[in-house]
Amino acid sequence: LDHMPRYTKARLLSQKPHQHVIGCSGNLTSTLKDIEERIIREQLEANRWNVSKTARDLGIVRQSLLYRMQKLNIDNPYSRGSSGD
């Protein structure tokens, strides 16, 4: 636990035992990816998709959050169709 990021450790410790692995395929890589995606999506929703505030809350820099969002195919639902404005 000492080597985990602060936001991940806090999130895992606040949940009931095994709550974070419900519905996982058993593969560690995909399980971690699912957990990371869930945490990021929940924080983005809580912050109304404010990326800067979400990054601060997660304890990471904004660029890292944007990279993770791209890697996990997390798109802001409020930015769709806004191109060409």
C-alpha atoms as a PDB file:
ATOM      1  CA  LEU A   1       0.000   0.000   0.000  1.00  0.00           C
ATOM      2  CA  ASP A   2       2.871   2.388   0.658  1.00  0.00           C
ATOM      3  CA  HIS A   3       3.778   2.437  -3.039  1.00  0.00           C
ATOM      4  CA  MET A   4       0.269   3.024  -4.405  1.00  0.00           C
ATOM      5  CA  PRO A   5      -0.860   6.487  -5.507  1.00  0.00           C
ATOM      6  CA  ARG A   6      -2.701   8.362  -2.781  1.00  0.00           C
ATOM      7  CA  TYR A   7      -6.036   8.476  -4.646  1.00  0.00           C
ATOM      8  CA  THR A   8      -5.979   4.747  -5.387  1.00  0.00           C
ATOM      9  CA  LYS A   9      -5.106   3.794  -1.824  1.00  0.00           C
ATOM     10  CA  ALA A  10      -7.817   6.064  -0.380  1.00  0.00           C
ATOM     11  CA  ARG A  11     -10.381   4.697  -2.811  1.00  0.00           C
ATOM     12  CA  LEU A  12      -9.561   1.066  -2.106  1.00  0.00           C
ATOM     13  CA  LEU A  13      -9.468   1.517   1.658  1.00  0.00           C
ATOM     14  CA  SER A  14     -12.842   3.286   1.657  1.00  0.00           C
ATOM     15  CA  GLN A  15     -14.582   0.343  -0.030  1.00  0.00           C
ATOM     16  CA  LYS A  16     -15.867  -2.857   1.458  1.00  0.00           C
ATOM     17  CA  PRO A  17     -13.580  -5.865   0.999  1.00  0.00           C
ATOM     18  CA  HIS A  18     -13.672  -7.206  -2.572  1.00  0.00           C
ATOM     19  CA  GLN A  19     -16.099  -4.497  -3.696  1.00  0.00           C
ATOM     20  CA  HIS A  20     -13.519  -3.221  -6.170  1.00  0.00           C
ATOM     21  CA  VAL A  21     -13.106  -6.571  -7.936  1.00  0.00           C
ATOM     22  CA  ILE A  22     -16.768  -7.355  -8.577  1.00  0.00           C
ATOM     23  CA  GLY A  23     -17.267  -8.198 -12.223  1.00  0.00           C
ATOM     24  CA  CYS A  24     -13.563  -8.505 -13.008  1.00  0.00           C
ATOM     25  CA  SER A  25     -12.273 -11.071 -15.451  1.00  0.00           C
ATOM     26  CA  GLY A  26      -9.505 -12.319 -13.172  1.00  0.00           C
ATOM     27  CA  ASN A  27      -6.707 -10.874 -15.295  1.00  0.00           C
ATOM     28  CA  LEU A  28      -4.706  -8.387 -13.188  1.00  0.00           C
ATOM     29  CA  THR A  29      -4.004  -6.030 -16.089  1.00  0.00           C
ATOM     30  CA  SER A  30      -7.642  -5.750 -17.126  1.00  0.00           C
ATOM     31  CA  THR A  31      -8.767  -5.527 -13.494  1.00  0.00           C
ATOM     32  CA  LEU A  32      -6.435  -2.598 -12.824  1.00  0.00           C
ATOM     33  CA  LYS A  33      -7.542  -0.936 -16.053  1.00  0.00           C
ATOM     34  CA  ASP A  34     -11.210  -1.341 -15.049  1.00  0.00           C
ATOM     35  CA  ILE A  35     -10.554   0.108 -11.585  1.00  0.00           C
ATOM     36  CA  GLU A  36      -8.581   3.042 -13.003  1.00  0.00           C
ATOM     37  CA  GLU A  37     -11.317   3.802 -15.530  1.00  0.00           C
ATOM     38  CA  ARG A  38     -14.041   3.598 -12.897  1.00  0.00           C
ATOM     39  CA  ILE A  39     -12.183   5.938 -10.525  1.00  0.00           C
ATOM     40  CA  ILE A  40     -11.475   8.477 -13.265  1.00  0.00           C
ATOM     41  CA  ARG A  41     -15.056   8.419 -14.582  1.00  0.00           C
ATOM     42  CA  GLU A  42     -16.529   8.805 -11.094  1.00  0.00           C
ATOM     43  CA  GLN A  43     -14.255  11.753 -10.310  1.00  0.00           C
ATOM     44  CA  LEU A  44     -14.977  13.404 -13.660  1.00  0.00           C
ATOM     45  CA  GLU A  45     -18.718  13.055 -13.058  1.00  0.00           C
ATOM     46  CA  ALA A  46     -18.367  14.410  -9.510  1.00  0.00           C
ATOM     47  CA  ASN A  47     -16.482  17.423 -10.901  1.00  0.00           C
ATOM     48  CA  ARG A  48     -18.836  17.928 -13.874  1.00  0.00           C
ATOM     49  CA  TRP A  49     -16.042  16.905 -16.252  1.00  0.00           C
ATOM     50  CA  ASN A  50     -13.695  19.651 -15.065  1.00  0.00           C
ATOM     51  CA  VAL A  51     -10.385  18.009 -15.974  1.00  0.00           C
ATOM     52  CA  SER A  52      -8.173  20.371 -13.957  1.00  0.00           C
ATOM     53  CA  LYS A  53     -10.182  19.889 -10.746  1.00  0.00           C
ATOM     54  CA  THR A  54     -10.389  16.147 -11.289  1.00  0.00           C
ATOM     55  CA  ALA A  55      -6.622  15.908 -11.756  1.00  0.00           C
ATOM     56  CA  ARG A  56      -6.064  17.861  -8.509  1.00  0.00           C
ATOM     57  CA  ASP A  57      -8.521  15.610  -6.647  1.00  0.00           C
ATOM     58  CA  LEU A  58      -6.758  12.509  -7.970  1.00  0.00           C
ATOM     59  CA  GLY A  59      -3.346  13.896  -7.065  1.00  0.00           C
ATOM     60  CA  ILE A  60      -1.973  13.826 -10.616  1.00  0.00           C
ATOM     61  CA  VAL A  61      -1.076  16.505 -13.142  1.00  0.00           C
ATOM     62  CA  ARG A  62      -3.651  17.506 -15.750  1.00  0.00           C
ATOM     63  CA  GLN A  63      -1.564  16.150 -18.629  1.00  0.00           C
ATOM     64  CA  SER A  64      -1.385  12.749 -16.958  1.00  0.00           C
ATOM     65  CA  LEU A  65      -5.160  12.674 -16.563  1.00  0.00           C
ATOM     66  CA  LEU A  66      -5.647  13.626 -20.217  1.00  0.00           C
ATOM     67  CA  TYR A  67      -3.232  10.861 -21.250  1.00  0.00           C
ATOM     68  CA  ARG A  68      -5.083   8.313 -19.104  1.00  0.00           C
ATOM     69  CA  MET A  69      -8.443   9.451 -20.481  1.00  0.00           C
ATOM     70  CA  GLN A  70      -7.155   9.000 -24.033  1.00  0.00           C
ATOM     71  CA  LYS A  71      -5.638   5.596 -23.208  1.00  0.00           C
ATOM     72  CA  LEU A  72      -8.924   4.429 -21.653  1.00  0.00           C
ATOM     73  CA  ASN A  73     -11.102   5.998 -24.400  1.00  0.00           C
ATOM     74  CA  ILE A  74     -12.873   8.276 -21.945  1.00  0.00           C
ATOM     75  CA  ASP A  75     -14.523  11.109 -23.868  1.00  0.00           C
ATOM     76  CA  ASN A  76     -16.209  14.145 -22.366  1.00  0.00           C
ATOM     77  CA  PRO A  77     -19.904  13.690 -23.230  1.00  0.00           C
ATOM     78  CA  TYR A  78     -20.420  17.449 -23.138  1.00  0.00           C
ATOM     79  CA  SER A  79     -17.839  18.200 -25.831  1.00  0.00           C
ATOM     80  CA  ARG A  80     -19.449  16.064 -28.534  1.00  0.00           C
ATOM     81  CA  GLY A  81     -20.745  17.970 -31.498  1.00  0.00           C
ATOM     82  CA  SER A  82     -19.144  21.189 -30.326  1.00  0.00           C
ATOM     83  CA  SER A  83     -16.561  21.281 -33.125  1.00  0.00           C
ATOM     84  CA  GLY A  84     -17.041  24.087 -35.598  1.00  0.00           C
ATOM     85  CA  ASP A  85     -18.297  26.571 -33.016  1.00  0.00           C
END
